[in-house]
């Protein structure tokens, strides 16, 4: 049953090919711009721009697409069409549907994430260990954020409302990290000194890990294993809330 649920979700993404391409395009646009920027900048400036901004933004956008724009809108549409209520009347357990759809989300994310990193590897040096760490951390961040799709879908009336509301949510998660890091760096301050104010944002742990894996900084704000623990605990807490939201509809 889990495989069928995952297959159904992935097929729905294929059917909505235009929307899927439109949501994936922003992440890959930065990759395309990188190829042109390489010939117009010094090597040091180029490496800082790609490793410090373009690559993290591309990865974050991919995660948000599959966690929010794809999963949440899919669930909100099912709720609006009464499909979700019908599923709940069957013998499919909440955790079965949760895990089954999650398999589809994680499968699609990793497919496009691998393609994205391979693309960037043609213009910057990405070691195998860095490649694997980026994949691992990205999956842990998605693990933490994935339950939010069920929570938010329960709050939104339909897919149109979900689409309009997800944009500001994405901007808050993304730019609270990116802009804080960029402006503090330009001001000559260490962004890690201010990370305590951003611990609520799972993207913090991804961004900080990327900086280390790409050799921009020497060490992460907290030990790497603590990032994995925090993201796992966050995922379990949100999953418990998501179950209540799912079963209450």
Protein backbone atom coordinates (compact mmCIF):
# COMPACT_ATOMS: atom_id res chain seq x y z
CA UNK A 1 0.00 0.00 0.00
CA UNK A 2 2.83 2.42 0.79
CA UNK A 3 4.33 1.83 -2.65
CA UNK A 4 0.96 2.52 -4.28
CA UNK A 5 0.57 5.77 -2.36
CA UNK A 6 4.10 6.85 -3.31
CA UNK A 7 3.46 5.92 -6.93
CA UNK A 8 0.19 7.86 -6.98
CA UNK A 9 1.91 10.99 -5.62
CA UNK A 10 4.76 10.79 -8.13
CA UNK A 11 2.39 10.20 -11.04
CA UNK A 12 0.41 13.26 -10.02
CA UNK A 13 3.59 15.32 -10.22
CA UNK A 14 4.27 13.94 -13.69
CA UNK A 15 0.73 14.78 -14.81
CA UNK A 16 1.19 18.34 -13.55
CA UNK A 17 4.37 18.64 -15.59
CA UNK A 18 4.00 22.35 -16.30
CA UNK A 19 3.61 23.24 -12.63
CA UNK A 20 6.45 20.90 -11.66
CA UNK A 21 8.85 22.44 -14.17
CA UNK A 22 7.79 25.94 -13.11
CA UNK A 23 8.53 25.18 -9.46
CA UNK A 24 11.83 23.44 -10.22
CA UNK A 25 13.03 26.16 -12.56
CA UNK A 26 14.11 28.71 -9.88
CA UNK A 27 16.54 26.22 -8.34
CA UNK A 28 18.12 25.42 -11.69
CA UNK A 29 18.18 29.05 -12.85
CA UNK A 30 20.92 29.75 -10.31
CA UNK A 31 22.88 26.85 -11.78
CA UNK A 32 22.53 28.31 -15.26
CA UNK A 33 23.58 31.78 -14.11
CA UNK A 34 26.65 30.24 -12.45
CA UNK A 35 28.04 29.05 -15.77
CA UNK A 36 27.91 32.61 -17.16
CA UNK A 37 29.20 34.24 -13.94
CA UNK A 38 32.33 32.09 -13.91
CA UNK A 39 33.90 33.95 -16.83
CA UNK A 40 33.06 37.40 -15.43
CA UNK A 41 34.44 37.10 -11.88
CA UNK A 42 37.67 36.31 -10.10
CA UNK A 43 38.00 32.75 -8.86
CA UNK A 44 37.83 33.76 -5.20
CA UNK A 45 34.70 35.89 -5.63
CA UNK A 46 33.09 33.26 -7.84
CA UNK A 47 33.67 30.45 -5.34
CA UNK A 48 32.25 32.55 -2.51
CA UNK A 49 29.17 33.48 -4.56
CA UNK A 50 28.43 29.91 -5.65
CA UNK A 51 29.26 28.11 -2.43
CA UNK A 52 27.92 30.78 -0.10
CA UNK A 53 24.75 31.79 -1.96
CA UNK A 54 23.78 30.10 -5.22
CA UNK A 55 24.21 26.44 -4.24
CA UNK A 56 22.50 26.78 -0.81
CA UNK A 57 19.60 28.75 -2.33
CA UNK A 58 19.16 26.13 -5.07
CA UNK A 59 19.05 23.28 -2.54
CA UNK A 60 16.69 25.14 -0.21
CA UNK A 61 14.33 25.89 -3.08
CA UNK A 62 14.26 22.21 -4.06
CA UNK A 63 13.44 21.17 -0.51
CA UNK A 64 10.70 23.77 -0.22
CA UNK A 65 9.18 22.73 -3.52
CA UNK A 66 8.83 19.07 -2.57
CA UNK A 67 7.94 19.78 1.06
CA UNK A 68 5.51 22.68 0.53
CA UNK A 69 4.61 23.62 -3.02
CA UNK A 70 4.19 19.99 -4.04
CA UNK A 71 3.13 17.99 -0.97
CA UNK A 72 1.02 20.65 0.75
CA UNK A 73 -0.84 21.69 -2.40
CA UNK A 74 -1.41 18.03 -3.28
CA UNK A 75 -2.92 17.35 0.16
CA UNK A 76 -4.96 20.58 0.15
CA UNK A 77 -6.40 19.62 -3.24
CA UNK A 78 -7.29 16.17 -1.93
CA UNK A 79 -9.02 17.73 1.05
CA UNK A 80 -10.97 20.19 -1.10
CA UNK A 81 -12.12 17.37 -3.40
CA UNK A 82 -13.13 15.21 -0.42
CA UNK A 83 -10.60 12.58 -1.53
CA UNK A 84 -8.73 12.77 1.76
CA UNK A 85 -11.92 12.14 3.72
CA UNK A 86 -12.62 9.10 1.57
CA UNK A 87 -9.13 7.73 2.19
CA UNK A 88 -9.65 8.13 5.94
CA UNK A 89 -12.75 5.93 5.75
CA UNK A 90 -10.75 3.05 4.32
CA UNK A 91 -8.50 0.68 6.27
CA UNK A 92 -5.42 2.77 5.37
CA UNK A 93 -3.79 3.81 8.61
CA UNK A 94 -2.61 7.44 9.02
CA UNK A 95 1.02 6.36 9.35
CA UNK A 96 0.72 4.23 6.20
CA UNK A 97 -0.40 7.19 4.13
CA UNK A 98 2.14 9.48 5.83
CA UNK A 99 5.07 7.15 5.11
CA UNK A 100 3.85 6.18 1.64
CA UNK A 101 3.57 9.74 0.45
CA UNK A 102 6.86 10.51 2.16
CA UNK A 103 8.57 7.84 0.07
CA UNK A 104 7.38 9.62 -3.05
CA UNK A 105 8.50 13.02 -1.78
CA UNK A 106 11.96 11.78 -0.78
CA UNK A 107 12.41 9.86 -4.03
CA UNK A 108 11.69 12.88 -6.21
CA UNK A 109 13.77 15.22 -4.05
CA UNK A 110 16.84 13.00 -4.19
CA UNK A 111 16.54 12.54 -7.94
CA UNK A 112 16.56 16.27 -8.65
CA UNK A 113 19.01 17.02 -5.82
CA UNK A 114 21.61 14.62 -7.26
CA UNK A 115 21.17 16.17 -10.72
CA UNK A 116 21.56 19.66 -9.24
CA UNK A 117 24.76 18.87 -7.33
CA UNK A 118 26.24 17.08 -10.35
CA UNK A 119 25.54 20.23 -12.36
CA UNK A 120 27.34 22.39 -9.81
CA UNK A 121 30.26 19.95 -9.70
CA UNK A 122 31.14 21.03 -13.25
CA UNK A 123 31.89 24.57 -12.08
CA UNK A 124 33.13 24.14 -8.48
CA UNK A 125 35.04 21.41 -6.67
CA UNK A 126 32.69 19.15 -4.71
CA UNK A 127 34.35 16.14 -3.12
CA UNK A 128 32.56 12.82 -2.71
CA UNK A 129 32.38 13.30 1.07
CA UNK A 130 30.85 16.77 0.59
CA UNK A 131 28.43 15.36 -1.97
CA UNK A 132 27.24 12.68 0.46
CA UNK A 133 27.02 15.10 3.39
CA UNK A 134 24.90 17.52 1.36
CA UNK A 135 22.54 14.69 0.39
CA UNK A 136 22.34 13.43 3.98
CA UNK A 137 21.70 16.82 5.56
CA UNK A 138 19.16 17.79 2.89
CA UNK A 139 17.21 14.61 3.63
CA UNK A 140 17.24 15.27 7.36
CA UNK A 141 15.93 18.80 6.78
CA UNK A 142 13.19 17.40 4.54
CA UNK A 143 12.45 14.83 7.23
CA UNK A 144 11.91 17.68 9.70
CA UNK A 145 9.78 19.77 7.36
CA UNK A 146 7.73 17.04 5.68
CA UNK A 147 5.13 16.73 8.49
CA UNK A 148 4.37 20.43 8.03
CA UNK A 149 2.73 19.61 4.69
CA UNK A 150 -0.01 17.69 6.54
CA UNK A 151 -0.37 20.40 9.17
CA UNK A 152 -0.59 23.25 6.67
CA UNK A 153 -2.90 21.32 4.34
CA UNK A 154 -5.27 20.95 7.27
CA UNK A 155 -5.27 24.71 7.79
CA UNK A 156 -5.75 25.79 4.18
CA UNK A 157 -9.17 25.66 2.55
CA UNK A 158 -8.00 24.56 -0.88
CA UNK A 159 -4.98 24.50 -3.20
CA UNK A 160 -5.40 28.15 -4.26
CA UNK A 161 -5.21 29.35 -0.67
CA UNK A 162 -2.27 27.01 -0.06
CA UNK A 163 -0.41 28.36 -3.09
CA UNK A 164 -0.83 31.99 -2.01
CA UNK A 165 0.13 31.34 1.61
CA UNK A 166 3.16 29.14 0.97
CA UNK A 167 5.17 31.88 -0.74
CA UNK A 168 5.59 34.12 2.34
CA UNK A 169 6.28 31.06 4.50
CA UNK A 170 9.05 29.99 2.13
CA UNK A 171 10.56 33.49 2.08
CA UNK A 172 10.64 33.64 5.88
CA UNK A 173 12.39 30.28 6.18
CA UNK A 174 14.86 31.00 3.39
CA UNK A 175 15.80 34.64 3.72
CA UNK A 176 15.96 34.69 7.52
CA UNK A 177 19.07 32.53 7.04
CA UNK A 178 20.48 33.81 3.76
CA UNK A 179 20.12 37.53 4.44
CA UNK A 180 21.29 37.28 8.04
CA UNK A 181 24.43 35.46 6.99
CA UNK A 182 25.16 37.75 4.05
CA UNK A 183 24.70 41.07 5.88
CA UNK A 184 26.58 39.98 9.01
CA UNK A 185 29.47 38.75 6.85
CA UNK A 186 29.57 42.07 4.98
CA UNK A 187 29.57 43.87 8.34
CA UNK A 188 32.62 41.88 9.41
CA UNK A 189 30.78 39.84 12.03
CA UNK A 190 30.55 36.09 12.51
CA UNK A 191 27.01 34.93 11.60
CA UNK A 192 27.34 31.96 13.94
CA UNK A 193 27.32 34.36 16.90
CA UNK A 194 23.68 35.12 16.04
CA UNK A 195 22.48 31.62 15.15
CA UNK A 196 20.88 31.25 18.58
CA UNK A 197 18.07 33.49 17.30
CA UNK A 198 17.45 31.21 14.31
CA UNK A 199 17.34 27.79 15.99
CA UNK A 200 13.63 27.53 15.09
CA UNK A 201 14.53 27.36 11.40
CA UNK A 202 15.60 23.90 10.08
CA UNK A 203 17.32 25.63 7.18
CA UNK A 204 19.90 26.96 9.64
CA UNK A 205 21.36 23.48 10.11
CA UNK A 206 21.47 22.82 6.38
CA UNK A 207 23.05 26.18 5.58
CA UNK A 208 25.68 25.89 8.31
CA UNK A 209 26.58 22.34 7.27
CA UNK A 210 26.90 23.42 3.64
CA UNK A 211 29.35 26.14 4.62
CA UNK A 212 31.59 23.57 6.30
CA UNK A 213 31.28 20.86 3.63
CA UNK A 214 32.21 23.41 0.93
CA UNK A 215 35.22 24.65 2.97
CA UNK A 216 33.91 28.19 3.51
CA UNK A 217 34.16 27.93 7.30
CA UNK A 218 36.11 25.65 9.60
CA UNK A 219 33.40 24.14 11.81
CA UNK A 220 29.67 24.11 12.35
CA UNK A 221 27.96 26.16 15.04
CA UNK A 222 27.01 22.98 16.92
CA UNK A 223 28.47 19.50 16.42
CA UNK A 224 27.06 17.84 13.31
CA UNK A 225 25.47 14.95 15.21
CA UNK A 226 23.46 17.45 17.26
CA UNK A 227 21.99 18.86 14.05
CA UNK A 228 20.77 15.39 13.11
CA UNK A 229 19.30 14.90 16.58
CA UNK A 230 17.52 18.26 16.57
CA UNK A 231 16.03 17.65 13.12
CA UNK A 232 14.91 14.12 14.07
CA UNK A 233 13.21 15.33 17.26
CA UNK A 234 11.55 18.19 15.37
CA UNK A 235 10.27 15.71 12.79
CA UNK A 236 8.77 13.45 15.46
CA UNK A 237 7.04 16.35 17.23
CA UNK A 238 5.59 17.72 13.98
CA UNK A 239 4.59 14.20 12.89
CA UNK A 240 2.56 13.79 16.10
CA UNK A 241 0.81 17.09 15.42
CA UNK A 242 0.28 16.14 11.78
CA UNK A 243 -1.42 12.89 12.83
CA UNK A 244 -3.90 14.81 14.96
CA UNK A 245 -4.60 17.23 12.14
CA UNK A 246 -4.98 14.39 9.63
CA UNK A 247 -7.35 12.30 11.75
CA UNK A 248 -9.45 15.31 12.79
CA UNK A 249 -10.48 16.14 9.21
